[in-house]
Amino acid sequence: MHHKKFFDHEPLFTPRSFGLGWNINIHNPIGLALSIGLAVVIIGMLIYSILNNGL
């Protein structure tokens, strides 16, 4: 019987499929949280900028 380990997930960073550098892996729970947090921050900054400066 396979017991679930504390850290039994995909790696947090994966090599990019093109270009140089690394990707955040969304199949890892921490990577998913980082990706969602980054998206929320970017969308929040966009909305804040539109409300304060207009289009």
PDB file of N, CA and C in Angstrom:
ATOM      1  N   MET A   1       0.843  -1.181   0.000  1.00  0.00           N
ATOM      2  CA  MET A   1       0.000   0.000   0.000  1.00  0.00           C
ATOM      3  C   MET A   1       0.890   1.247   0.000  1.00  0.00           C
ATOM      4  N   HIS A   2       0.570   2.169  -0.871  1.00  0.00           N
ATOM      5  CA  HIS A   2       1.362   3.401  -0.998  1.00  0.00           C
ATOM      6  C   HIS A   2       0.865   4.439   0.000  1.00  0.00           C
ATOM      7  N   HIS A   3       1.759   4.875   0.870  1.00  0.00           N
ATOM      8  CA  HIS A   3       1.410   5.917   1.830  1.00  0.00           C
ATOM      9  C   HIS A   3       1.786   7.266   1.259  1.00  0.00           C
ATOM     10  N   LYS A   4       0.917   8.235   1.437  1.00  0.00           N
ATOM     11  CA  LYS A   4       1.204   9.575   0.942  1.00  0.00           C
ATOM     12  C   LYS A   4       2.249  10.230   1.831  1.00  0.00           C
ATOM     13  N   LYS A   5       3.297  10.722   1.204  1.00  0.00           N
ATOM     14  CA  LYS A   5       4.354  11.397   1.937  1.00  0.00           C
ATOM     15  C   LYS A   5       3.961  12.848   2.161  1.00  0.00           C
ATOM     16  N   PHE A   6       4.705  13.514   3.022  1.00  0.00           N
ATOM     17  CA  PHE A   6       4.440  14.932   3.285  1.00  0.00           C
ATOM     18  C   PHE A   6       4.586  15.747   2.008  1.00  0.00           C
ATOM     19  N   PHE A   7       5.632  15.473   1.239  1.00  0.00           N
ATOM     20  CA  PHE A   7       5.845  16.209   0.000  1.00  0.00           C
ATOM     21  C   PHE A   7       5.860  15.213  -1.144  1.00  0.00           C
ATOM     22  N   ASP A   8       4.692  14.917  -1.670  1.00  0.00           N
ATOM     23  CA  ASP A   8       4.548  13.954  -2.757  1.00  0.00           C
ATOM     24  C   ASP A   8       3.907  14.666  -3.941  1.00  0.00           C
ATOM     25  N   HIS A   9       4.551  15.744  -4.400  1.00  0.00           N
ATOM     26  CA  HIS A   9       3.989  16.565  -5.465  1.00  0.00           C
ATOM     27  C   HIS A   9       5.013  16.744  -6.575  1.00  0.00           C
ATOM     28  N   GLU A  10       4.574  17.391  -7.635  1.00  0.00           N
ATOM     29  CA  GLU A  10       5.461  17.756  -8.732  1.00  0.00           C
ATOM     30  C   GLU A  10       6.472  18.784  -8.237  1.00  0.00           C
ATOM     31  N   PRO A  11       7.609  18.942  -8.919  1.00  0.00           N
ATOM     32  CA  PRO A  11       8.578  19.969  -8.507  1.00  0.00           C
ATOM     33  C   PRO A  11       7.998  21.374  -8.664  1.00  0.00           C
ATOM     34  N   LEU A  12       8.484  22.312  -7.842  1.00  0.00           N
ATOM     35  CA  LEU A  12       7.965  23.683  -7.864  1.00  0.00           C
ATOM     36  C   LEU A  12       8.352  24.405  -9.148  1.00  0.00           C
ATOM     37  N   PHE A  13       9.589  24.235  -9.591  1.00  0.00           N
ATOM     38  CA  PHE A  13      10.045  24.887 -10.817  1.00  0.00           C
ATOM     39  C   PHE A  13      10.339  23.833 -11.872  1.00  0.00           C
ATOM     40  N   THR A  14       9.992  24.131 -13.124  1.00  0.00           N
ATOM     41  CA  THR A  14      10.268  23.236 -14.238  1.00  0.00           C
ATOM     42  C   THR A  14      11.004  24.020 -15.317  1.00  0.00           C
ATOM     43  N   PRO A  15      11.815  23.350 -16.134  1.00  0.00           N
ATOM     44  CA  PRO A  15      12.471  24.057 -17.234  1.00  0.00           C
ATOM     45  C   PRO A  15      11.433  24.562 -18.239  1.00  0.00           C
ATOM     46  N   ARG A  16      11.711  25.690 -18.851  1.00  0.00           N
ATOM     47  CA  ARG A  16      10.775  26.250 -19.827  1.00  0.00           C
ATOM     48  C   ARG A  16      10.777  25.395 -21.085  1.00  0.00           C
ATOM     49  N   SER A  17       9.633  25.357 -21.753  1.00  0.00           N
ATOM     50  CA  SER A  17       9.552  24.605 -22.999  1.00  0.00           C
ATOM     51  C   SER A  17      10.232  25.357 -24.138  1.00  0.00           C
ATOM     52  N   PHE A  18      10.329  26.687 -24.021  1.00  0.00           N
ATOM     53  CA  PHE A  18      11.069  27.481 -25.004  1.00  0.00           C
ATOM     54  C   PHE A  18      11.687  28.671 -24.278  1.00  0.00           C
ATOM     55  N   GLY A  19      12.763  29.182 -24.811  1.00  0.00           N
ATOM     56  CA  GLY A  19      13.430  30.310 -24.173  1.00  0.00           C
ATOM     57  C   GLY A  19      14.331  29.852 -23.038  1.00  0.00           C
ATOM     58  N   LEU A  20      14.789  30.801 -22.263  1.00  0.00           N
ATOM     59  CA  LEU A  20      15.686  30.518 -21.147  1.00  0.00           C
ATOM     60  C   LEU A  20      14.960  30.723 -19.830  1.00  0.00           C
ATOM     61  N   GLY A  21      15.378  30.016 -18.813  1.00  0.00           N
ATOM     62  CA  GLY A  21      14.815  30.227 -17.480  1.00  0.00           C
ATOM     63  C   GLY A  21      13.959  29.067 -17.016  1.00  0.00           C
ATOM     64  N   TRP A  22      13.139  29.347 -16.025  1.00  0.00           N
ATOM     65  CA  TRP A  22      12.315  28.329 -15.382  1.00  0.00           C
ATOM     66  C   TRP A  22      10.878  28.807 -15.298  1.00  0.00           C
ATOM     67  N   ASN A  23       9.952  27.863 -15.232  1.00  0.00           N
ATOM     68  CA  ASN A  23       8.529  28.143 -15.036  1.00  0.00           C
ATOM     69  C   ASN A  23       8.120  27.741 -13.633  1.00  0.00           C
ATOM     70  N   ILE A  24       7.113  28.413 -13.094  1.00  0.00           N
ATOM     71  CA  ILE A  24       6.488  27.956 -11.852  1.00  0.00           C
ATOM     72  C   ILE A  24       5.482  26.881 -12.240  1.00  0.00           C
ATOM     73  N   ASN A  25       5.596  25.724 -11.636  1.00  0.00           N
ATOM     74  CA  ASN A  25       4.743  24.588 -11.964  1.00  0.00           C
ATOM     75  C   ASN A  25       3.419  24.706 -11.213  1.00  0.00           C
ATOM     76  N   ILE A  26       2.302  24.838 -11.951  1.00  0.00           N
ATOM     77  CA  ILE A  26       0.998  24.989 -11.297  1.00  0.00           C
ATOM     78  C   ILE A  26       0.438  23.658 -10.800  1.00  0.00           C
ATOM     79  N   HIS A  27       1.110  22.550 -11.097  1.00  0.00           N
ATOM     80  CA  HIS A  27       0.668  21.253 -10.580  1.00  0.00           C
ATOM     81  C   HIS A  27       1.172  21.016  -9.163  1.00  0.00           C
ATOM     82  N   ASN A  28       2.027  21.903  -8.683  1.00  0.00           N
ATOM     83  CA  ASN A  28       2.497  21.876  -7.304  1.00  0.00           C
ATOM     84  C   ASN A  28       1.615  22.842  -6.509  1.00  0.00           C
ATOM     85  N   PRO A  29       1.119  22.471  -5.328  1.00  0.00           N
ATOM     86  CA  PRO A  29       0.220  23.361  -4.568  1.00  0.00           C
ATOM     87  C   PRO A  29       0.828  24.735  -4.264  1.00  0.00           C
ATOM     88  N   ILE A  30       2.125  24.782  -3.956  1.00  0.00           N
ATOM     89  CA  ILE A  30       2.767  26.076  -3.690  1.00  0.00           C
ATOM     90  C   ILE A  30       2.851  26.882  -4.980  1.00  0.00           C
ATOM     91  N   GLY A  31       3.177  26.223  -6.077  1.00  0.00           N
ATOM     92  CA  GLY A  31       3.240  26.899  -7.370  1.00  0.00           C
ATOM     93  C   GLY A  31       1.887  27.437  -7.794  1.00  0.00           C
ATOM     94  N   LEU A  32       0.831  26.681  -7.518  1.00  0.00           N
ATOM     95  CA  LEU A  32      -0.520  27.149  -7.835  1.00  0.00           C
ATOM     96  C   LEU A  32      -0.863  28.380  -7.012  1.00  0.00           C
ATOM     97  N   ALA A  33      -0.532  28.364  -5.728  1.00  0.00           N
ATOM     98  CA  ALA A  33      -0.796  29.523  -4.870  1.00  0.00           C
ATOM     99  C   ALA A  33       0.003  30.738  -5.338  1.00  0.00           C
ATOM    100  N   LEU A  34       1.271  30.535  -5.713  1.00  0.00           N
ATOM    101  CA  LEU A  34       2.083  31.643  -6.223  1.00  0.00           C
ATOM    102  C   LEU A  34       1.499  32.208  -7.511  1.00  0.00           C
ATOM    103  N   SER A  35       1.053  31.336  -8.410  1.00  0.00           N
ATOM    104  CA  SER A  35       0.488  31.789  -9.680  1.00  0.00           C
ATOM    105  C   SER A  35      -0.804  32.567  -9.465  1.00  0.00           C
ATOM    106  N   ILE A  36      -1.678  32.068  -8.590  1.00  0.00           N
ATOM    107  CA  ILE A  36      -2.934  32.770  -8.305  1.00  0.00           C
ATOM    108  C   ILE A  36      -2.647  34.105  -7.638  1.00  0.00           C
ATOM    109  N   GLY A  37      -1.725  34.118  -6.674  1.00  0.00           N
ATOM    110  CA  GLY A  37      -1.368  35.367  -5.998  1.00  0.00           C
ATOM    111  C   GLY A  37      -0.804  36.393  -6.962  1.00  0.00           C
ATOM    112  N   LEU A  38       0.061  35.958  -7.863  1.00  0.00           N
ATOM    113  CA  LEU A  38       0.642  36.869  -8.847  1.00  0.00           C
ATOM    114  C   LEU A  38      -0.435  37.415  -9.780  1.00  0.00           C
ATOM    115  N   ALA A  39      -1.363  36.570 -10.212  1.00  0.00           N
ATOM    116  CA  ALA A  39      -2.452  37.027 -11.076  1.00  0.00           C
ATOM    117  C   ALA A  39      -3.332  38.038 -10.350  1.00  0.00           C
ATOM    118  N   VAL A  40      -3.640  37.800  -9.078  1.00  0.00           N
ATOM    119  CA  VAL A  40      -4.465  38.731  -8.299  1.00  0.00           C
ATOM    120  C   VAL A  40      -3.761  40.074  -8.157  1.00  0.00           C
ATOM    121  N   VAL A  41      -2.457  40.053  -7.896  1.00  0.00           N
ATOM    122  CA  VAL A  41      -1.701  41.303  -7.754  1.00  0.00           C
ATOM    123  C   VAL A  41      -1.697  42.079  -9.068  1.00  0.00           C
ATOM    124  N   ILE A  42      -1.459  41.409 -10.182  1.00  0.00           N
ATOM    125  CA  ILE A  42      -1.416  42.095 -11.478  1.00  0.00           C
ATOM    126  C   ILE A  42      -2.781  42.664 -11.834  1.00  0.00           C
ATOM    127  N   ILE A  43      -3.851  41.896 -11.636  1.00  0.00           N
ATOM    128  CA  ILE A  43      -5.200  42.390 -11.940  1.00  0.00           C
ATOM    129  C   ILE A  43      -5.563  43.533 -11.004  1.00  0.00           C
ATOM    130  N   GLY A  44      -5.197  43.425  -9.730  1.00  0.00           N
ATOM    131  CA  GLY A  44      -5.457  44.505  -8.777  1.00  0.00           C
ATOM    132  C   GLY A  44      -4.738  45.783  -9.159  1.00  0.00           C
ATOM    133  N   MET A  45      -3.479  45.671  -9.584  1.00  0.00           N
ATOM    134  CA  MET A  45      -2.734  46.856 -10.013  1.00  0.00           C
ATOM    135  C   MET A  45      -3.357  47.474 -11.259  1.00  0.00           C
ATOM    136  N   LEU A  46      -3.839  46.654 -12.172  1.00  0.00           N
ATOM    137  CA  LEU A  46      -4.492  47.147 -13.383  1.00  0.00           C
ATOM    138  C   LEU A  46      -5.763  47.909 -13.035  1.00  0.00           C
ATOM    139  N   ILE A  47      -6.597  47.341 -12.172  1.00  0.00           N
ATOM    140  CA  ILE A  47      -7.838  48.004 -11.763  1.00  0.00           C
ATOM    141  C   ILE A  47      -7.535  49.294 -11.014  1.00  0.00           C
ATOM    142  N   TYR A  48      -6.557  49.273 -10.121  1.00  0.00           N
ATOM    143  CA  TYR A  48      -6.167  50.473  -9.372  1.00  0.00           C
ATOM    144  C   TYR A  48      -5.695  51.574 -10.321  1.00  0.00           C
ATOM    145  N   SER A  49      -4.902  51.199 -11.306  1.00  0.00           N
ATOM    146  CA  SER A  49      -4.393  52.173 -12.267  1.00  0.00           C
ATOM    147  C   SER A  49      -5.521  52.766 -13.100  1.00  0.00           C
ATOM    148  N   ILE A  50      -6.457  51.947 -13.532  1.00  0.00           N
ATOM    149  CA  ILE A  50      -7.577  52.447 -14.339  1.00  0.00           C
ATOM    150  C   ILE A  50      -8.455  53.376 -13.513  1.00  0.00           C
ATOM    151  N   LEU A  51      -8.716  53.025 -12.257  1.00  0.00           N
ATOM    152  CA  LEU A  51      -9.581  53.859 -11.421  1.00  0.00           C
ATOM    153  C   LEU A  51      -8.931  55.197 -11.083  1.00  0.00           C
ATOM    154  N   ASN A  52      -7.628  55.235 -10.896  1.00  0.00           N
ATOM    155  CA  ASN A  52      -6.957  56.474 -10.510  1.00  0.00           C
ATOM    156  C   ASN A  52      -6.543  57.338 -11.691  1.00  0.00           C
ATOM    157  N   ASN A  53      -6.213  56.735 -12.814  1.00  0.00           N
ATOM    158  CA  ASN A  53      -5.696  57.499 -13.946  1.00  0.00           C
ATOM    159  C   ASN A  53      -6.621  57.506 -15.147  1.00  0.00           C
ATOM    160  N   GLY A  54      -7.609  56.676 -15.158  1.00  0.00           N
ATOM    161  CA  GLY A  54      -8.486  56.564 -16.321  1.00  0.00           C
ATOM    162  C   GLY A  54      -7.795  55.782 -17.422  1.00  0.00           C
ATOM    163  N   LEU A  55      -8.536  55.563 -18.501  1.00  0.00           N
ATOM    164  CA  LEU A  55      -7.964  54.832 -19.628  1.00  0.00           C
ATOM    165  C   LEU A  55      -7.148  55.793 -20.445  1.00  0.00           C
TER     166      LEU A  55
END
